[in-house]
Amino acid sequence: MVVTWGIDSLEYIAGTAATLGSYDGVHLG
């Protein structure tokens, strides 16, 4: 698993499946 800090450091990869959010707690939901 890779962690990238900042959009400028992220590799563009066509065919990315993404989710977006704060995810505080990373709970069962």
mmCIF file of all heavy atoms, coordinates in Angstrom:
data_MODEL
# 
_entry.id   MODEL 
# 
loop_
_atom_site.group_PDB 
_atom_site.id 
_atom_site.type_symbol 
_atom_site.label_atom_id 
_atom_site.label_alt_id 
_atom_site.label_comp_id 
_atom_site.label_asym_id 
_atom_site.label_entity_id 
_atom_site.label_seq_id 
_atom_site.pdbx_PDB_ins_code 
_atom_site.Cartn_x 
_atom_site.Cartn_y 
_atom_site.Cartn_z 
_atom_site.occupancy 
_atom_site.B_iso_or_equiv 
_atom_site.pdbx_formal_charge 
_atom_site.auth_seq_id 
_atom_site.auth_comp_id 
_atom_site.auth_asym_id 
_atom_site.auth_atom_id 
_atom_site.pdbx_PDB_model_num 
ATOM 1   N N   . MET A 1 1  ? 0.844   -1.186 0.000   1.00 0.00 ? 1  MET A N   1 
ATOM 2   C CA  . MET A 1 1  ? 0.000   0.000  0.000   1.00 0.00 ? 1  MET A CA  1 
ATOM 3   C C   . MET A 1 1  ? 0.886   1.246  0.000   1.00 0.00 ? 1  MET A C   1 
ATOM 4   O O   . MET A 1 1  ? 1.823   1.343  0.777   1.00 0.00 ? 1  MET A O   1 
ATOM 5   C CB  . MET A 1 1  ? -0.919  -0.022 1.220   1.00 0.00 ? 1  MET A CB  1 
ATOM 6   C CG  . MET A 1 1  ? -2.072  0.975  1.178   1.00 0.00 ? 1  MET A CG  1 
ATOM 7   S SD  . MET A 1 1  ? -1.652  2.621  1.782   1.00 0.00 ? 1  MET A SD  1 
ATOM 8   C CE  . MET A 1 1  ? -1.142  2.288  3.459   1.00 0.00 ? 1  MET A CE  1 
ATOM 9   N N   . VAL A 1 2  ? 0.579   2.167  -0.899  1.00 0.00 ? 2  VAL A N   1 
ATOM 10  C CA  . VAL A 1 2  ? 1.391   3.366  -1.093  1.00 0.00 ? 2  VAL A CA  1 
ATOM 11  C C   . VAL A 1 2  ? 0.661   4.571  -0.511  1.00 0.00 ? 2  VAL A C   1 
ATOM 12  O O   . VAL A 1 2  ? -0.545  4.722  -0.691  1.00 0.00 ? 2  VAL A O   1 
ATOM 13  C CB  . VAL A 1 2  ? 1.674   3.603  -2.594  1.00 0.00 ? 2  VAL A CB  1 
ATOM 14  C CG1 . VAL A 1 2  ? 2.464   4.886  -2.798  1.00 0.00 ? 2  VAL A CG1 1 
ATOM 15  C CG2 . VAL A 1 2  ? 2.402   2.411  -3.197  1.00 0.00 ? 2  VAL A CG2 1 
ATOM 16  N N   . VAL A 1 3  ? 1.393   5.439  0.183   1.00 0.00 ? 3  VAL A N   1 
ATOM 17  C CA  . VAL A 1 3  ? 0.841   6.691  0.697   1.00 0.00 ? 3  VAL A CA  1 
ATOM 18  C C   . VAL A 1 3  ? 1.528   7.841  -0.025  1.00 0.00 ? 3  VAL A C   1 
ATOM 19  O O   . VAL A 1 3  ? 2.765   7.928  -0.046  1.00 0.00 ? 3  VAL A O   1 
ATOM 20  C CB  . VAL A 1 3  ? 1.060   6.836  2.213   1.00 0.00 ? 3  VAL A CB  1 
ATOM 21  C CG1 . VAL A 1 3  ? 0.479   8.164  2.703   1.00 0.00 ? 3  VAL A CG1 1 
ATOM 22  C CG2 . VAL A 1 3  ? 0.432   5.672  2.960   1.00 0.00 ? 3  VAL A CG2 1 
ATOM 23  N N   . THR A 1 4  ? 0.728   8.726  -0.628  1.00 0.00 ? 4  THR A N   1 
ATOM 24  C CA  . THR A 1 4  ? 1.257   9.876  -1.348  1.00 0.00 ? 4  THR A CA  1 
ATOM 25  C C   . THR A 1 4  ? 0.726   11.146 -0.703  1.00 0.00 ? 4  THR A C   1 
ATOM 26  O O   . THR A 1 4  ? -0.479  11.276 -0.471  1.00 0.00 ? 4  THR A O   1 
ATOM 27  C CB  . THR A 1 4  ? 0.845   9.841  -2.831  1.00 0.00 ? 4  THR A CB  1 
ATOM 28  O OG1 . THR A 1 4  ? 1.320   8.632  -3.435  1.00 0.00 ? 4  THR A OG1 1 
ATOM 29  C CG2 . THR A 1 4  ? 1.416   11.035 -3.578  1.00 0.00 ? 4  THR A CG2 1 
ATOM 30  N N   . TRP A 1 5  ? 1.628   12.079 -0.428  1.00 0.00 ? 5  TRP A N   1 
ATOM 31  C CA  . TRP A 1 5  ? 1.244   13.354 0.181   1.00 0.00 ? 5  TRP A CA  1 
ATOM 32  C C   . TRP A 1 5  ? 1.278   14.443 -0.888  1.00 0.00 ? 5  TRP A C   1 
ATOM 33  O O   . TRP A 1 5  ? 2.338   14.792 -1.396  1.00 0.00 ? 5  TRP A O   1 
ATOM 34  C CB  . TRP A 1 5  ? 2.200   13.708 1.313   1.00 0.00 ? 5  TRP A CB  1 
ATOM 35  C CG  . TRP A 1 5  ? 2.127   12.762 2.471   1.00 0.00 ? 5  TRP A CG  1 
ATOM 36  C CD1 . TRP A 1 5  ? 2.681   11.517 2.558   1.00 0.00 ? 5  TRP A CD1 1 
ATOM 37  C CD2 . TRP A 1 5  ? 1.435   12.984 3.709   1.00 0.00 ? 5  TRP A CD2 1 
ATOM 38  N NE1 . TRP A 1 5  ? 2.386   10.943 3.778   1.00 0.00 ? 5  TRP A NE1 1 
ATOM 39  C CE2 . TRP A 1 5  ? 1.628   11.821 4.500   1.00 0.00 ? 5  TRP A CE2 1 
ATOM 40  C CE3 . TRP A 1 5  ? 0.701   14.044 4.232   1.00 0.00 ? 5  TRP A CE3 1 
ATOM 41  C CZ2 . TRP A 1 5  ? 1.097   11.694 5.774   1.00 0.00 ? 5  TRP A CZ2 1 
ATOM 42  C CZ3 . TRP A 1 5  ? 0.175   13.927 5.511   1.00 0.00 ? 5  TRP A CZ3 1 
ATOM 43  C CH2 . TRP A 1 5  ? 0.366   12.769 6.262   1.00 0.00 ? 5  TRP A CH2 1 
ATOM 44  N N   . GLY A 1 6  ? 0.102   14.934 -1.250  1.00 0.00 ? 6  GLY A N   1 
ATOM 45  C CA  . GLY A 1 6  ? 0.015   16.027 -2.206  1.00 0.00 ? 6  GLY A CA  1 
ATOM 46  C C   . GLY A 1 6  ? -0.223  15.545 -3.616  1.00 0.00 ? 6  GLY A C   1 
ATOM 47  O O   . GLY A 1 6  ? 0.365   14.549 -4.066  1.00 0.00 ? 6  GLY A O   1 
ATOM 48  N N   . ILE A 1 7  ? -1.080  16.270 -4.321  1.00 0.00 ? 7  ILE A N   1 
ATOM 49  C CA  . ILE A 1 7  ? -1.473  15.875 -5.673  1.00 0.00 ? 7  ILE A CA  1 
ATOM 50  C C   . ILE A 1 7  ? -0.295  15.900 -6.636  1.00 0.00 ? 7  ILE A C   1 
ATOM 51  O O   . ILE A 1 7  ? -0.220  15.088 -7.571  1.00 0.00 ? 7  ILE A O   1 
ATOM 52  C CB  . ILE A 1 7  ? -2.619  16.788 -6.183  1.00 0.00 ? 7  ILE A CB  1 
ATOM 53  C CG1 . ILE A 1 7  ? -3.167  16.276 -7.516  1.00 0.00 ? 7  ILE A CG1 1 
ATOM 54  C CG2 . ILE A 1 7  ? -2.157  18.233 -6.294  1.00 0.00 ? 7  ILE A CG2 1 
ATOM 55  C CD1 . ILE A 1 7  ? -3.824  14.931 -7.426  1.00 0.00 ? 7  ILE A CD1 1 
ATOM 56  N N   . ASP A 1 8  ? 0.671   16.799 -6.422  1.00 0.00 ? 8  ASP A N   1 
ATOM 57  C CA  . ASP A 1 8  ? 1.799   16.910 -7.353  1.00 0.00 ? 8  ASP A CA  1 
ATOM 58  C C   . ASP A 1 8  ? 2.730   15.706 -7.276  1.00 0.00 ? 8  ASP A C   1 
ATOM 59  O O   . ASP A 1 8  ? 3.531   15.488 -8.190  1.00 0.00 ? 8  ASP A O   1 
ATOM 60  C CB  . ASP A 1 8  ? 2.587   18.192 -7.073  1.00 0.00 ? 8  ASP A CB  1 
ATOM 61  C CG  . ASP A 1 8  ? 1.794   19.449 -7.396  1.00 0.00 ? 8  ASP A CG  1 
ATOM 62  O OD1 . ASP A 1 8  ? 0.867   19.359 -8.235  1.00 0.00 ? 8  ASP A OD1 1 
ATOM 63  O OD2 . ASP A 1 8  ? 2.079   20.507 -6.800  1.00 0.00 ? 8  ASP A OD2 1 
ATOM 64  N N   . SER A 1 9  ? 2.642   14.949 -6.203  1.00 0.00 ? 9  SER A N   1 
ATOM 65  C CA  . SER A 1 9  ? 3.506   13.770 -6.052  1.00 0.00 ? 9  SER A CA  1 
ATOM 66  C C   . SER A 1 9  ? 2.827   12.490 -6.519  1.00 0.00 ? 9  SER A C   1 
ATOM 67  O O   . SER A 1 9  ? 3.459   11.425 -6.552  1.00 0.00 ? 9  SER A O   1 
ATOM 68  C CB  . SER A 1 9  ? 3.925   13.605 -4.586  1.00 0.00 ? 9  SER A CB  1 
ATOM 69  O OG  . SER A 1 9  ? 4.623   14.744 -4.122  1.00 0.00 ? 9  SER A OG  1 
ATOM 70  N N   . LEU A 1 10 ? 1.543   12.583 -6.879  1.00 0.00 ? 10 LEU A N   1 
ATOM 71  C CA  . LEU A 1 10 ? 0.787   11.389 -7.260  1.00 0.00 ? 10 LEU A CA  1 
ATOM 72  C C   . LEU A 1 10 ? 0.985   11.052 -8.730  1.00 0.00 ? 10 LEU A C   1 
ATOM 73  O O   . LEU A 1 10 ? 0.927   11.930 -9.599  1.00 0.00 ? 10 LEU A O   1 
ATOM 74  C CB  . LEU A 1 10 ? -0.702  11.604 -6.979  1.00 0.00 ? 10 LEU A CB  1 
ATOM 75  C CG  . LEU A 1 10 ? -1.598  10.387 -7.236  1.00 0.00 ? 10 LEU A CG  1 
ATOM 76  C CD1 . LEU A 1 10 ? -1.408  9.355  -6.134  1.00 0.00 ? 10 LEU A CD1 1 
ATOM 77  C CD2 . LEU A 1 10 ? -3.067  10.801 -7.328  1.00 0.00 ? 10 LEU A CD2 1 
ATOM 78  N N   . GLU A 1 11 ? 1.188   9.790  -9.002  1.00 0.00 ? 11 GLU A N   1 
ATOM 79  C CA  . GLU A 1 11 ? 1.304   9.328  -10.387 1.00 0.00 ? 11 GLU A CA  1 
ATOM 80  C C   . GLU A 1 11 ? -0.076  9.263  -11.035 1.00 0.00 ? 11 GLU A C   1 
ATOM 81  O O   . GLU A 1 11 ? -1.030  8.742  -10.447 1.00 0.00 ? 11 GLU A O   1 
ATOM 82  C CB  . GLU A 1 11 ? 1.951   7.948  -10.427 1.00 0.00 ? 11 GLU A CB  1 
ATOM 83  C CG  . GLU A 1 11 ? 2.095   7.375  -11.828 1.00 0.00 ? 11 GLU A CG  1 
ATOM 84  C CD  . GLU A 1 11 ? 2.638   5.961  -11.836 1.00 0.00 ? 11 GLU A CD  1 
ATOM 85  O OE1 . GLU A 1 11 ? 2.835   5.402  -10.736 1.00 0.00 ? 11 GLU A OE1 1 
ATOM 86  O OE2 . GLU A 1 11 ? 2.850   5.405  -12.938 1.00 0.00 ? 11 GLU A OE2 1 
ATOM 87  N N   . TYR A 1 12 ? -0.191  9.807  -12.242 1.00 0.00 ? 12 TYR A N   1 
ATOM 88  C CA  . TYR A 1 12 ? -1.431  9.672  -13.001 1.00 0.00 ? 12 TYR A CA  1 
ATOM 89  C C   . TYR A 1 12 ? -1.546  8.235  -13.489 1.00 0.00 ? 12 TYR A C   1 
ATOM 90  O O   . TYR A 1 12 ? -0.624  7.701  -14.111 1.00 0.00 ? 12 TYR A O   1 
ATOM 91  C CB  . TYR A 1 12 ? -1.435  10.630 -14.199 1.00 0.00 ? 12 TYR A CB  1 
ATOM 92  C CG  . TYR A 1 12 ? -2.605  10.417 -15.145 1.00 0.00 ? 12 TYR A CG  1 
ATOM 93  C CD1 . TYR A 1 12 ? -3.789  11.116 -14.975 1.00 0.00 ? 12 TYR A CD1 1 
ATOM 94  C CD2 . TYR A 1 12 ? -2.525  9.490  -16.191 1.00 0.00 ? 12 TYR A CD2 1 
ATOM 95  C CE1 . TYR A 1 12 ? -4.874  10.920 -15.825 1.00 0.00 ? 12 TYR A CE1 1 
ATOM 96  C CE2 . TYR A 1 12 ? -3.599  9.291  -17.040 1.00 0.00 ? 12 TYR A CE2 1 
ATOM 97  C CZ  . TYR A 1 12 ? -4.765  9.999  -16.857 1.00 0.00 ? 12 TYR A CZ  1 
ATOM 98  O OH  . TYR A 1 12 ? -5.833  9.795  -17.698 1.00 0.00 ? 12 TYR A OH  1 
ATOM 99  N N   . ILE A 1 13 ? -2.668  7.599  -13.188 1.00 0.00 ? 13 ILE A N   1 
ATOM 100 C CA  . ILE A 1 13 ? -2.914  6.242  -13.663 1.00 0.00 ? 13 ILE A CA  1 
ATOM 101 C C   . ILE A 1 13 ? -4.339  6.185  -14.199 1.00 0.00 ? 13 ILE A C   1 
ATOM 102 O O   . ILE A 1 13 ? -5.309  6.324  -13.439 1.00 0.00 ? 13 ILE A O   1 
ATOM 103 C CB  . ILE A 1 13 ? -2.728  5.195  -12.553 1.00 0.00 ? 13 ILE A CB  1 
ATOM 104 C CG1 . ILE A 1 13 ? -1.279  5.190  -12.061 1.00 0.00 ? 13 ILE A CG1 1 
ATOM 105 C CG2 . ILE A 1 13 ? -3.139  3.807  -13.049 1.00 0.00 ? 13 ILE A CG2 1 
ATOM 106 C CD1 . ILE A 1 13 ? -1.001  4.168  -10.971 1.00 0.00 ? 13 ILE A CD1 1 
ATOM 107 N N   . ALA A 1 14 ? -4.474  6.024  -15.493 1.00 0.00 ? 14 ALA A N   1 
ATOM 108 C CA  . ALA A 1 14 ? -5.797  5.863  -16.089 1.00 0.00 ? 14 ALA A CA  1 
ATOM 109 C C   . ALA A 1 14 ? -6.443  4.603  -15.526 1.00 0.00 ? 14 ALA A C   1 
ATOM 110 O O   . ALA A 1 14 ? -5.765  3.586  -15.301 1.00 0.00 ? 14 ALA A O   1 
ATOM 111 C CB  . ALA A 1 14 ? -5.683  5.767  -17.608 1.00 0.00 ? 14 ALA A CB  1 
ATOM 112 N N   . GLY A 1 15 ? -7.735  4.674  -15.284 1.00 0.00 ? 15 GLY A N   1 
ATOM 113 C CA  . GLY A 1 15 ? -8.418  3.510  -14.733 1.00 0.00 ? 15 GLY A CA  1 
ATOM 114 C C   . GLY A 1 15 ? -8.331  3.443  -13.225 1.00 0.00 ? 15 GLY A C   1 
ATOM 115 O O   . GLY A 1 15 ? -8.250  2.355  -12.637 1.00 0.00 ? 15 GLY A O   1 
ATOM 116 N N   . THR A 1 16 ? -8.345  4.604  -12.564 1.00 0.00 ? 16 THR A N   1 
ATOM 117 C CA  . THR A 1 16 ? -8.315  4.657  -11.099 1.00 0.00 ? 16 THR A CA  1 
ATOM 118 C C   . THR A 1 16 ? -9.742  4.619  -10.554 1.00 0.00 ? 16 THR A C   1 
ATOM 119 O O   . THR A 1 16 ? -10.620 5.349  -11.026 1.00 0.00 ? 16 THR A O   1 
ATOM 120 C CB  . THR A 1 16 ? -7.614  5.929  -10.607 1.00 0.00 ? 16 THR A CB  1 
ATOM 121 O OG1 . THR A 1 16 ? -6.219  5.858  -10.953 1.00 0.00 ? 16 THR A OG1 1 
ATOM 122 C CG2 . THR A 1 16 ? -7.750  6.089  -9.099  1.00 0.00 ? 16 THR A CG2 1 
ATOM 123 N N   . ALA A 1 17 ? -9.969  3.768  -9.567  1.00 0.00 ? 17 ALA A N   1 
ATOM 124 C CA  . ALA A 1 17 ? -11.227 3.754  -8.820  1.00 0.00 ? 17 ALA A CA  1 
ATOM 125 C C   . ALA A 1 17 ? -10.945 4.451  -7.497  1.00 0.00 ? 17 ALA A C   1 
ATOM 126 O O   . ALA A 1 17 ? -10.035 4.067  -6.775  1.00 0.00 ? 17 ALA A O   1 
ATOM 127 C CB  . ALA A 1 17 ? -11.698 2.329  -8.578  1.00 0.00 ? 17 ALA A CB  1 
ATOM 128 N N   . ALA A 1 18 ? -11.732 5.495  -7.178  1.00 0.00 ? 18 ALA A N   1 
ATOM 129 C CA  . ALA A 1 18 ? -11.414 6.326  -6.026  1.00 0.00 ? 18 ALA A CA  1 
ATOM 130 C C   . ALA A 1 18 ? -12.622 6.555  -5.130  1.00 0.00 ? 18 ALA A C   1 
ATOM 131 O O   . ALA A 1 18 ? -13.770 6.466  -5.564  1.00 0.00 ? 18 ALA A O   1 
ATOM 132 C CB  . ALA A 1 18 ? -10.864 7.677  -6.496  1.00 0.00 ? 18 ALA A CB  1 
ATOM 133 N N   . THR A 1 19 ? -12.316 6.841  -3.874  1.00 0.00 ? 19 THR A N   1 
ATOM 134 C CA  . THR A 1 19 ? -13.308 7.362  -2.942  1.00 0.00 ? 19 THR A CA  1 
ATOM 135 C C   . THR A 1 19 ? -12.674 8.543  -2.236  1.00 0.00 ? 19 THR A C   1 
ATOM 136 O O   . THR A 1 19 ? -11.450 8.632  -2.126  1.00 0.00 ? 19 THR A O   1 
ATOM 137 C CB  . THR A 1 19 ? -13.789 6.301  -1.942  1.00 0.00 ? 19 THR A CB  1 
ATOM 138 O OG1 . THR A 1 19 ? -14.873 6.828  -1.158  1.00 0.00 ? 19 THR A OG1 1 
ATOM 139 C CG2 . THR A 1 19 ? -12.672 5.865  -1.015  1.00 0.00 ? 19 THR A CG2 1 
ATOM 140 N N   . LEU A 1 20 ? -13.514 9.451  -1.746  1.00 0.00 ? 20 LEU A N   1 
ATOM 141 C CA  . LEU A 1 20 ? -13.049 10.729 -1.238  1.00 0.00 ? 20 LEU A CA  1 
ATOM 142 C C   . LEU A 1 20 ? -13.747 11.047 0.071   1.00 0.00 ? 20 LEU A C   1 
ATOM 143 O O   . LEU A 1 20 ? -14.973 10.950 0.158   1.00 0.00 ? 20 LEU A O   1 
ATOM 144 C CB  . LEU A 1 20 ? -13.355 11.817 -2.280  1.00 0.00 ? 20 LEU A CB  1 
ATOM 145 C CG  . LEU A 1 20 ? -13.155 13.274 -1.897  1.00 0.00 ? 20 LEU A CG  1 
ATOM 146 C CD1 . LEU A 1 20 ? -11.666 13.601 -1.852  1.00 0.00 ? 20 LEU A CD1 1 
ATOM 147 C CD2 . LEU A 1 20 ? -13.858 14.183 -2.909  1.00 0.00 ? 20 LEU A CD2 1 
ATOM 148 N N   . GLY A 1 21 ? -12.972 11.407 1.109   1.00 0.00 ? 21 GLY A N   1 
ATOM 149 C CA  . GLY A 1 21 ? -13.618 11.786 2.358   1.00 0.00 ? 21 GLY A CA  1 
ATOM 150 C C   . GLY A 1 21 ? -12.628 11.953 3.491   1.00 0.00 ? 21 GLY A C   1 
ATOM 151 O O   . GLY A 1 21 ? -11.450 11.612 3.380   1.00 0.00 ? 21 GLY A O   1 
ATOM 152 N N   . SER A 1 22 ? -13.130 12.461 4.626   1.00 0.00 ? 22 SER A N   1 
ATOM 153 C CA  . SER A 1 22 ? -12.288 12.637 5.805   1.00 0.00 ? 22 SER A CA  1 
ATOM 154 C C   . SER A 1 22 ? -11.944 11.299 6.445   1.00 0.00 ? 22 SER A C   1 
ATOM 155 O O   . SER A 1 22 ? -10.855 11.104 6.984   1.00 0.00 ? 22 SER A O   1 
ATOM 156 C CB  . SER A 1 22 ? -13.004 13.531 6.822   1.00 0.00 ? 22 SER A CB  1 
ATOM 157 O OG  . SER A 1 22 ? -13.254 14.803 6.264   1.00 0.00 ? 22 SER A OG  1 
ATOM 158 N N   . TYR A 1 23 ? -12.894 10.382 6.461   1.00 0.00 ? 23 TYR A N   1 
ATOM 159 C CA  . TYR A 1 23 ? -12.692 9.030  7.005   1.00 0.00 ? 23 TYR A CA  1 
ATOM 160 C C   . TYR A 1 23 ? -12.178 9.048  8.434   1.00 0.00 ? 23 TYR A C   1 
ATOM 161 O O   . TYR A 1 23 ? -11.358 8.211  8.827   1.00 0.00 ? 23 TYR A O   1 
ATOM 162 C CB  . TYR A 1 23 ? -11.773 8.204  6.095   1.00 0.00 ? 23 TYR A CB  1 
ATOM 163 C CG  . TYR A 1 23 ? -12.499 7.698  4.870   1.00 0.00 ? 23 TYR A CG  1 
ATOM 164 C CD1 . TYR A 1 23 ? -12.377 8.331  3.640   1.00 0.00 ? 23 TYR A CD1 1 
ATOM 165 C CD2 . TYR A 1 23 ? -13.351 6.611  4.963   1.00 0.00 ? 23 TYR A CD2 1 
ATOM 166 C CE1 . TYR A 1 23 ? -13.076 7.887  2.529   1.00 0.00 ? 23 TYR A CE1 1 
ATOM 167 C CE2 . TYR A 1 23 ? -14.057 6.149  3.865   1.00 0.00 ? 23 TYR A CE2 1 
ATOM 168 C CZ  . TYR A 1 23 ? -13.919 6.795  2.648   1.00 0.00 ? 23 TYR A CZ  1 
ATOM 169 O OH  . TYR A 1 23 ? -14.625 6.360  1.560   1.00 0.00 ? 23 TYR A OH  1 
ATOM 170 N N   . ASP A 1 24 ? -12.665 9.988  9.245   1.00 0.00 ? 24 ASP A N   1 
ATOM 171 C CA  . ASP A 1 24 ? -12.244 10.029 10.647  1.00 0.00 ? 24 ASP A CA  1 
ATOM 172 C C   . ASP A 1 24 ? -12.805 8.819  11.390  1.00 0.00 ? 24 ASP A C   1 
ATOM 173 O O   . ASP A 1 24 ? -14.013 8.592  11.414  1.00 0.00 ? 24 ASP A O   1 
ATOM 174 C CB  . ASP A 1 24 ? -12.730 11.319 11.310  1.00 0.00 ? 24 ASP A CB  1 
ATOM 175 C CG  . ASP A 1 24 ? -12.231 11.454 12.737  1.00 0.00 ? 24 ASP A CG  1 
ATOM 176 O OD1 . ASP A 1 24 ? -11.124 10.954 13.023  1.00 0.00 ? 24 ASP A OD1 1 
ATOM 177 O OD2 . ASP A 1 24 ? -12.943 12.063 13.561  1.00 0.00 ? 24 ASP A OD2 1 
ATOM 178 N N   . GLY A 1 25 ? -11.927 8.038  11.989  1.00 0.00 ? 25 GLY A N   1 
ATOM 179 C CA  . GLY A 1 25 ? -12.338 6.850  12.723  1.00 0.00 ? 25 GLY A CA  1 
ATOM 180 C C   . GLY A 1 25 ? -12.200 5.570  11.932  1.00 0.00 ? 25 GLY A C   1 
ATOM 181 O O   . GLY A 1 25 ? -12.012 4.495  12.496  1.00 0.00 ? 25 GLY A O   1 
ATOM 182 N N   . VAL A 1 26 ? -12.300 5.663  10.590  1.00 0.00 ? 26 VAL A N   1 
ATOM 183 C CA  . VAL A 1 26 ? -12.270 4.476  9.732   1.00 0.00 ? 26 VAL A CA  1 
ATOM 184 C C   . VAL A 1 26 ? -13.129 3.379  10.375  1.00 0.00 ? 26 VAL A C   1 
ATOM 185 O O   . VAL A 1 26 ? -12.653 2.293  10.718  1.00 0.00 ? 26 VAL A O   1 
ATOM 186 C CB  . VAL A 1 26 ? -10.837 3.986  9.451   1.00 0.00 ? 26 VAL A CB  1 
ATOM 187 C CG1 . VAL A 1 26 ? -10.820 2.982  8.295   1.00 0.00 ? 26 VAL A CG1 1 
ATOM 188 C CG2 . VAL A 1 26 ? -9.920  5.156  9.117   1.00 0.00 ? 26 VAL A CG2 1 
ATOM 189 N N   . HIS A 1 27 ? -14.403 3.677  10.557  1.00 0.00 ? 27 HIS A N   1 
ATOM 190 C CA  . HIS A 1 27 ? -15.329 2.769  11.236  1.00 0.00 ? 27 HIS A CA  1 
ATOM 191 C C   . HIS A 1 27 ? -15.942 1.770  10.252  1.00 0.00 ? 27 HIS A C   1 
ATOM 192 O O   . HIS A 1 27 ? -15.570 1.749  9.051   1.00 0.00 ? 27 HIS A O   1 
ATOM 193 C CB  . HIS A 1 27 ? -16.414 3.564  11.967  1.00 0.00 ? 27 HIS A CB  1 
ATOM 194 C CG  . HIS A 1 27 ? -17.139 4.565  11.113  1.00 0.00 ? 27 HIS A CG  1 
ATOM 195 N ND1 . HIS A 1 27 ? -17.935 4.208  10.043  1.00 0.00 ? 27 HIS A ND1 1 
ATOM 196 C CD2 . HIS A 1 27 ? -17.187 5.927  11.180  1.00 0.00 ? 27 HIS A CD2 1 
ATOM 197 C CE1 . HIS A 1 27 ? -18.454 5.284  9.492   1.00 0.00 ? 27 HIS A CE1 1 
ATOM 198 N NE2 . HIS A 1 27 ? -18.012 6.353  10.151  1.00 0.00 ? 27 HIS A NE2 1 
ATOM 199 N N   . LEU A 1 28 ? -16.859 0.952  10.728  1.00 0.00 ? 28 LEU A N   1 
ATOM 200 C CA  . LEU A 1 28 ? -17.429 -0.105 9.893   1.00 0.00 ? 28 LEU A CA  1 
ATOM 201 C C   . LEU A 1 28 ? -18.197 0.448  8.695   1.00 0.00 ? 28 LEU A C   1 
ATOM 202 O O   . LEU A 1 28 ? -18.234 -0.179 7.633   1.00 0.00 ? 28 LEU A O   1 
ATOM 203 C CB  . LEU A 1 28 ? -18.344 -0.990 10.738  1.00 0.00 ? 28 LEU A CB  1 
ATOM 204 C CG  . LEU A 1 28 ? -17.643 -1.835 11.814  1.00 0.00 ? 28 LEU A CG  1 
ATOM 205 C CD1 . LEU A 1 28 ? -18.670 -2.660 12.594  1.00 0.00 ? 28 LEU A CD1 1 
ATOM 206 C CD2 . LEU A 1 28 ? -16.587 -2.746 11.201  1.00 0.00 ? 28 LEU A CD2 1 
ATOM 207 N N   . GLY A 1 29 ? -18.820 1.627  8.859   1.00 0.00 ? 29 GLY A N   1 
ATOM 208 C CA  . GLY A 1 29 ? -19.488 2.247  7.721   1.00 0.00 ? 29 GLY A CA  1 
ATOM 209 C C   . GLY A 1 29 ? -18.496 2.640  6.647   1.00 0.00 ? 29 GLY A C   1 
ATOM 210 O O   . GLY A 1 29 ? -18.754 2.471  5.442   1.00 0.00 ? 29 GLY A O   1 
# 
